[in-house]
Amino acid sequence: MGDIIEKVKCLIIGSGPAGYTAAIYAARANMSPVLYQGMQPGGQLTTTNEVENFPGYPNGITGPEMMIELQQQAQRFDADIRDGWVTKVDFSGDVHKVWVNDTKEIHCETVIISTGATAKYLGLDSEQKYLKLGGGVSACAVCDGFFYRNQEVVIVGAGDSACEEAHYLSKLCKKVTMIVRRDEFRASKIMSERVKKTPNIEILFNTETDEVLGDGQVVTGVRVFNNQTNEKHEIPATGFFVAIGHKPNTDIFKDYLNLDATGYILNKPGTSKTNVDGVFVSGDAADHVYRQAVTAAGTGCMAALDAERYLAAKDSNFEVSTSTYN
């Protein structure tokens, strides 16, 4: 099986809004896309209980349901959606080589990377329990803050993103408690001053999370401790937000693609193009700013269109399909 090399016109690595949208556009453009879903079919959104900010769903939808619908839409146009994950690539030559599950070798004319990024969590058992239950643990204030309107929440983090999310939550929530492990922020001065001046944000320095408390279904509070005195106390809260960063799922590409200092793939401004011709990137693998389902879908569209134009320029027999834009 490992000796049989498959040739593919367009390979999409990873699912989620970016990957599935790329598959929809690529399939409608007669690119015969093959998509490998990765270790988490549907991506991060499958861990989101309610999605209310994606256009076209006036009553909201759950993350898993939305990903099923996107997958079905891609399959409607004969996109080949497969289980499995890409474990190795070789973009050094004219042919883009990709290995799936360390065994199957695929030679690709174009590759669209939609591997996303993974939110970092504290790793507490209680945190993971309520994350999986969808009961009050989140890594995205913009995504989930609305559900905690007029309630009290806790957010962990000390960087610019944590300060930005805390300030965002302060506009929705009755009270926001920030847990900062050190005696100062890592954030820029302007961001740290902004949260310090916000009346309903309380900042606890030299403080760490001991346990996320709940009733077995939803979060009811957070137990913290002062790492200087070891004194513990409980904070009533219905939401626990973690803002300690994301890790882009891009390790297998580092020998071939240009990455920034934290591992995000660098694309040419205004496009999905990478430094390797015929290799494109979409979604959170390149986006450390917005990280929203709708922006990921938009870049999935861009990647498919860029790949289509690349194929048309390379092969005079391949025509850009006008239906792609309808």
Protein backbone atom coordinates (compact mmCIF):
# COMPACT_ATOMS: atom_id res chain seq x y z
CA MET A 1 0.00 0.00 0.00
CA GLY A 2 2.83 2.37 0.84
CA ASP A 3 4.37 1.81 -2.64
CA ILE A 4 1.31 3.14 -4.51
CA ILE A 5 1.63 6.87 -5.18
CA GLU A 6 -1.60 8.78 -5.72
CA LYS A 7 -1.61 11.89 -7.90
CA VAL A 8 -3.94 14.70 -6.85
CA LYS A 9 -4.71 18.05 -8.48
CA CYS A 10 -5.65 19.78 -5.22
CA LEU A 11 -4.96 18.42 -1.74
CA ILE A 12 -6.47 20.15 1.26
CA ILE A 13 -4.81 19.44 4.60
CA GLY A 14 -7.21 19.92 7.52
CA SER A 15 -10.91 20.58 7.86
CA GLY A 16 -12.87 23.21 9.77
CA PRO A 17 -14.41 26.29 8.14
CA ALA A 18 -11.25 27.03 6.13
CA GLY A 19 -10.70 23.52 4.79
CA TYR A 20 -14.32 22.78 3.98
CA THR A 21 -14.82 26.16 2.28
CA ALA A 22 -11.69 25.57 0.19
CA ALA A 23 -13.11 22.16 -0.74
CA ILE A 24 -16.45 23.69 -1.79
CA TYR A 25 -14.80 26.23 -4.08
CA ALA A 26 -12.18 23.81 -5.44
CA ALA A 27 -14.81 21.18 -6.21
CA ARG A 28 -17.04 23.66 -8.04
CA ALA A 29 -13.99 24.68 -10.09
CA ASN A 30 -13.44 21.08 -11.26
CA MET A 31 -10.20 20.73 -9.29
CA SER A 32 -11.23 17.33 -7.86
CA PRO A 33 -10.06 18.25 -4.34
CA VAL A 34 -9.07 15.62 -1.81
CA LEU A 35 -9.38 16.71 1.82
CA TYR A 36 -7.86 14.94 4.80
CA GLN A 37 -9.73 15.92 7.96
CA GLY A 38 -6.85 15.59 10.40
CA MET A 39 -6.85 14.45 14.01
CA GLN A 40 -9.84 16.66 14.86
CA PRO A 41 -12.37 16.45 12.01
CA GLY A 42 -14.15 19.77 11.82
CA GLY A 43 -11.42 21.60 13.73
CA GLN A 44 -11.72 23.68 16.90
CA LEU A 45 -15.32 24.59 16.21
CA THR A 46 -16.40 21.06 17.10
CA THR A 47 -15.67 21.96 20.74
CA THR A 48 -18.02 24.98 20.59
CA ASN A 49 -21.48 24.36 21.93
CA GLU A 50 -23.23 27.34 20.32
CA VAL A 51 -22.26 29.40 17.28
CA GLU A 52 -24.32 32.57 16.96
CA ASN A 53 -22.01 34.88 15.01
CA PHE A 54 -21.67 33.01 11.71
CA PRO A 55 -23.76 34.61 8.94
CA GLY A 56 -26.74 32.62 7.73
CA TYR A 57 -27.78 31.04 11.02
CA PRO A 58 -30.32 33.45 12.57
CA ASN A 59 -31.16 30.97 15.35
CA GLY A 60 -27.58 29.86 15.93
CA ILE A 61 -26.15 26.38 15.47
CA THR A 62 -23.81 24.10 17.38
CA GLY A 63 -20.23 23.85 16.19
CA PRO A 64 -20.43 20.11 15.35
CA GLU A 65 -23.69 20.58 13.42
CA MET A 66 -22.19 23.43 11.43
CA MET A 67 -19.13 21.37 10.49
CA ILE A 68 -21.33 18.46 9.37
CA GLU A 69 -23.28 20.83 7.13
CA LEU A 70 -20.11 22.34 5.64
CA GLN A 71 -18.74 18.86 4.98
CA GLN A 72 -21.98 17.79 3.31
CA GLN A 73 -21.95 20.92 1.17
CA ALA A 74 -18.43 20.10 -0.04
CA GLN A 75 -19.42 16.51 -0.75
CA ARG A 76 -22.43 17.71 -2.72
CA PHE A 77 -19.94 18.96 -5.31
CA ASP A 78 -17.97 15.67 -5.15
CA ALA A 79 -15.13 16.81 -2.91
CA ASP A 80 -13.33 13.69 -1.66
CA ILE A 81 -13.39 13.98 2.17
CA ARG A 82 -11.17 11.42 3.89
CA ASP A 83 -10.22 10.35 7.40
CA GLY A 84 -6.54 10.53 8.28
CA TRP A 85 -3.91 13.15 8.88
CA VAL A 86 -0.81 14.32 7.06
CA THR A 87 2.35 13.35 8.93
CA LYS A 88 5.10 14.48 6.56
CA VAL A 89 5.60 16.74 3.54
CA ASP A 90 8.34 17.47 1.03
CA PHE A 91 7.95 20.74 -0.83
CA SER A 92 11.56 20.90 -2.05
CA GLY A 93 10.88 19.90 -5.66
CA ASP A 94 8.47 20.68 -8.48
CA VAL A 95 6.15 17.96 -7.22
CA HIS A 96 4.63 18.56 -3.78
CA LYS A 97 4.91 15.30 -1.86
CA VAL A 98 2.68 14.52 1.10
CA TRP A 99 2.46 11.44 3.32
CA VAL A 100 -0.72 10.45 5.12
CA ASN A 101 -0.56 8.41 8.34
CA ASP A 102 3.17 7.84 7.63
CA THR A 103 2.32 5.36 4.85
CA LYS A 104 0.36 6.69 1.89
CA GLU A 105 2.33 8.96 -0.47
CA ILE A 106 0.51 11.59 -2.53
CA HIS A 107 1.94 13.81 -5.26
CA CYS A 108 0.03 17.09 -5.52
CA GLU A 109 -0.17 19.84 -8.09
CA THR A 110 -1.48 22.23 -5.44
CA VAL A 111 -1.73 22.04 -1.66
CA ILE A 112 -4.03 24.09 0.58
CA ILE A 113 -3.02 24.08 4.25
CA SER A 114 -5.93 24.44 6.69
CA THR A 115 -4.44 22.83 9.77
CA GLY A 116 -5.53 25.57 12.17
CA ALA A 117 -4.16 26.33 15.60
CA THR A 118 -4.74 24.76 18.98
CA ALA A 119 -5.68 26.88 21.97
CA LYS A 120 -3.44 26.45 24.98
CA TYR A 121 -5.13 25.47 28.24
CA LEU A 122 -3.88 25.12 31.81
CA GLY A 123 -4.32 21.34 31.74
CA LEU A 124 -6.37 21.03 34.93
CA ASP A 125 -8.71 18.04 35.02
CA SER A 126 -11.61 20.26 36.09
CA GLU A 127 -10.87 22.72 33.28
CA GLN A 128 -10.89 19.96 30.67
CA LYS A 129 -14.05 18.44 32.14
CA TYR A 130 -16.13 21.60 31.73
CA LEU A 131 -14.49 22.37 28.38
CA LYS A 132 -15.69 19.02 27.00
CA LEU A 133 -19.13 19.49 28.54
CA GLY A 134 -19.45 22.94 27.01
CA GLY A 135 -20.31 24.12 30.47
CA GLY A 136 -18.42 27.36 30.91
CA VAL A 137 -14.78 26.97 29.82
CA SER A 138 -13.69 28.82 26.69
CA ALA A 139 -10.58 30.07 24.91
CA CYS A 140 -12.42 32.71 22.86
CA ALA A 141 -14.15 35.68 24.48
CA VAL A 142 -15.33 37.06 21.14
CA CYS A 143 -16.93 33.70 20.30
CA ASP A 144 -18.56 32.97 23.65
CA GLY A 145 -18.69 36.18 25.66
CA PHE A 146 -22.28 36.90 24.64
CA PHE A 147 -23.48 33.86 26.61
CA TYR A 148 -22.23 35.44 29.85
CA ARG A 149 -23.98 38.79 29.52
CA ASN A 150 -24.54 40.39 32.95
CA GLN A 151 -22.72 37.53 34.68
CA GLU A 152 -19.39 37.24 36.50
CA VAL A 153 -16.46 35.58 34.73
CA VAL A 154 -12.78 34.81 35.26
CA ILE A 155 -10.06 35.13 32.63
CA VAL A 156 -6.49 33.77 32.86
CA GLY A 157 -3.66 35.48 31.01
CA ALA A 158 -1.23 38.40 31.08
CA GLY A 159 -0.52 39.32 27.45
CA ASP A 160 -2.10 41.70 24.97
CA SER A 161 -4.67 39.11 23.89
CA ALA A 162 -5.72 38.46 27.48
CA CYS A 163 -6.11 42.19 28.12
CA GLU A 164 -8.04 42.67 24.90
CA GLU A 165 -10.40 39.80 25.72
CA ALA A 166 -10.85 40.99 29.32
CA HIS A 167 -11.78 44.45 28.06
CA TYR A 168 -14.20 42.91 25.56
CA LEU A 169 -15.83 40.84 28.33
CA SER A 170 -16.09 43.89 30.57
CA LYS A 171 -18.57 45.40 28.11
CA LEU A 172 -20.82 42.36 28.44
CA CYS A 173 -20.30 41.00 31.93
CA LYS A 174 -21.11 42.34 35.36
CA LYS A 175 -17.60 41.62 36.60
CA VAL A 176 -14.37 40.24 35.11
CA THR A 177 -11.61 38.87 37.33
CA MET A 178 -8.18 38.58 35.70
CA ILE A 179 -5.77 35.94 36.99
CA VAL A 180 -2.14 36.93 36.39
CA ARG A 181 0.60 34.55 37.48
CA ARG A 182 3.33 37.15 37.85
CA ASP A 183 3.41 40.52 39.60
CA GLU A 184 2.98 42.39 36.32
CA PHE A 185 1.45 42.08 32.87
CA ARG A 186 3.35 40.87 29.83
CA ALA A 187 1.07 43.06 27.76
CA SER A 188 2.01 46.40 26.27
CA LYS A 189 1.62 49.40 28.54
CA ILE A 190 -1.37 50.77 26.67
CA MET A 191 -3.26 47.47 26.93
CA SER A 192 -2.43 46.89 30.58
CA GLU A 193 -3.42 50.44 31.48
CA ARG A 194 -6.72 49.99 29.67
CA VAL A 195 -7.76 47.04 31.83
CA LYS A 196 -6.47 48.66 35.00
CA LYS A 197 -8.73 51.63 34.35
CA THR A 198 -11.82 49.56 33.61
CA PRO A 199 -14.02 49.67 36.74
CA ASN A 200 -15.52 46.17 36.52
CA ILE A 201 -12.20 44.39 35.93
CA GLU A 202 -10.44 43.13 39.06
CA ILE A 203 -6.82 42.03 38.59
CA LEU A 204 -5.25 39.43 40.89
CA PHE A 205 -1.47 39.39 40.47
CA ASN A 206 0.77 36.54 41.72
CA THR A 207 -2.26 34.32 41.42
CA GLU A 208 -2.83 30.92 39.78
CA THR A 209 -5.81 28.65 39.20
CA ASP A 210 -6.15 25.71 41.57
CA GLU A 211 -9.42 24.28 40.27
CA VAL A 212 -12.45 25.14 38.15
CA LEU A 213 -15.52 24.58 40.30
CA GLY A 214 -18.90 23.42 39.07
CA ASP A 215 -22.04 21.43 39.72
CA GLY A 216 -21.14 18.63 37.35
CA GLN A 217 -22.71 20.36 34.35
CA VAL A 218 -21.68 24.02 34.38
CA VAL A 219 -19.04 26.21 35.98
CA THR A 220 -20.01 27.88 39.27
CA GLY A 221 -16.68 29.33 40.37
CA VAL A 222 -12.89 29.16 40.38
CA ARG A 223 -10.56 28.36 43.25
CA VAL A 224 -7.28 30.27 43.03
CA PHE A 225 -4.15 30.59 45.15
CA ASN A 226 -1.61 33.29 45.72
CA ASN A 227 1.76 31.86 44.64
CA GLN A 228 3.58 34.02 47.19
CA THR A 229 1.55 33.13 50.28
CA ASN A 230 -0.20 29.90 49.10
CA GLU A 231 -3.45 31.38 50.39
CA LYS A 232 -6.50 30.02 48.56
CA HIS A 233 -9.90 31.53 47.96
CA GLU A 234 -12.89 30.97 45.69
CA ILE A 235 -14.29 33.35 43.10
CA PRO A 236 -17.95 32.98 42.05
CA ALA A 237 -18.15 32.79 38.25
CA THR A 238 -20.20 31.19 35.50
CA GLY A 239 -17.50 31.44 32.87
CA PHE A 240 -13.78 30.59 32.83
CA PHE A 241 -11.81 32.03 29.91
CA VAL A 242 -8.26 30.97 29.11
CA ALA A 243 -6.16 33.47 27.14
CA ILE A 244 -2.63 32.11 27.33
CA GLY A 245 -2.07 31.74 23.60
CA HIS A 246 -2.49 29.39 20.66
CA LYS A 247 -0.10 26.99 18.98
CA PRO A 248 -0.43 26.81 15.19
CA ASN A 249 -0.46 23.24 13.86
CA THR A 250 2.38 23.83 11.43
CA ASP A 251 5.37 21.83 12.70
CA ILE A 252 5.52 19.52 9.68
CA PHE A 253 5.91 22.51 7.33
CA LYS A 254 8.76 24.33 9.09
CA ASP A 255 11.51 22.97 6.82
CA TYR A 256 9.82 24.32 3.68
CA LEU A 257 7.55 27.25 4.51
CA ASN A 258 8.34 30.62 6.03
CA LEU A 259 6.89 30.84 9.55
CA ASP A 260 6.85 33.67 12.04
CA ALA A 261 8.49 33.41 15.46
CA THR A 262 5.49 31.59 16.96
CA GLY A 263 4.95 29.19 14.07
CA TYR A 264 2.23 30.85 12.01
CA ILE A 265 2.66 30.43 8.25
CA LEU A 266 3.56 33.66 6.49
CA ASN A 267 1.43 34.40 3.44
CA LYS A 268 2.02 37.03 0.80
CA PRO A 269 -0.12 40.07 1.76
CA GLY A 270 -3.57 40.04 0.21
CA THR A 271 -3.27 36.43 -0.92
CA SER A 272 -3.12 32.90 0.44
CA LYS A 273 0.23 32.25 -1.27
CA THR A 274 3.21 30.95 0.70
CA ASN A 275 6.87 31.12 -0.28
CA VAL A 276 6.46 27.82 -2.18
CA ASP A 277 4.68 28.01 -5.52
CA GLY A 278 1.51 25.93 -5.55
CA VAL A 279 1.22 25.79 -1.75
CA PHE A 280 -1.44 27.97 -0.15
CA VAL A 281 -2.58 28.59 3.43
CA SER A 282 -5.96 29.38 4.94
CA GLY A 283 -7.53 29.74 8.37
CA ASP A 284 -5.86 29.88 11.75
CA ALA A 285 -2.60 28.32 10.56
CA ALA A 286 -1.79 31.83 9.30
CA ASP A 287 -4.14 34.00 11.39
CA HIS A 288 -3.09 35.00 14.90
CA VAL A 289 -5.25 38.14 14.93
CA TYR A 290 -8.89 37.35 14.16
CA ARG A 291 -9.24 33.56 14.62
CA GLN A 292 -12.95 33.51 13.74
CA ALA A 293 -14.91 30.90 11.80
CA VAL A 294 -16.10 33.46 9.26
CA THR A 295 -12.60 34.82 8.57
CA ALA A 296 -11.26 31.27 8.27
CA ALA A 297 -13.97 30.47 5.72
CA GLY A 298 -13.06 33.61 3.79
CA THR A 299 -9.42 32.60 3.52
CA GLY A 300 -10.46 29.09 2.50
CA CYS A 301 -12.24 30.70 -0.43
CA MET A 302 -9.13 32.76 -1.24
CA ALA A 303 -6.89 29.70 -1.16
CA ALA A 304 -9.10 27.76 -3.57
CA LEU A 305 -9.26 30.70 -5.99
CA ASP A 306 -5.50 31.22 -5.80
CA ALA A 307 -4.93 27.49 -6.40
CA GLU A 308 -7.31 27.54 -9.36
CA ARG A 309 -5.49 30.48 -10.95
CA TYR A 310 -2.14 28.81 -10.32
CA LEU A 311 -3.30 25.69 -12.17
CA ALA A 312 -4.71 27.76 -15.03
CA ALA A 313 -1.42 29.62 -15.44
CA LYS A 314 0.52 26.36 -15.35
CA ASP A 315 -1.73 24.35 -17.65
CA SER A 316 -3.35 25.98 -20.66
CA ASN A 317 -5.90 23.14 -20.74
CA PHE A 318 -7.20 24.07 -17.30
CA GLU A 319 -9.63 26.95 -17.45
CA VAL A 320 -10.77 29.13 -14.55
CA SER A 321 -14.41 28.30 -13.96
CA THR A 322 -16.80 31.25 -13.96
CA SER A 323 -19.14 29.24 -11.70
CA THR A 324 -16.57 29.57 -8.93
CA TYR A 325 -17.56 33.19 -8.41
CA ASN A 326 -21.32 32.58 -8.28
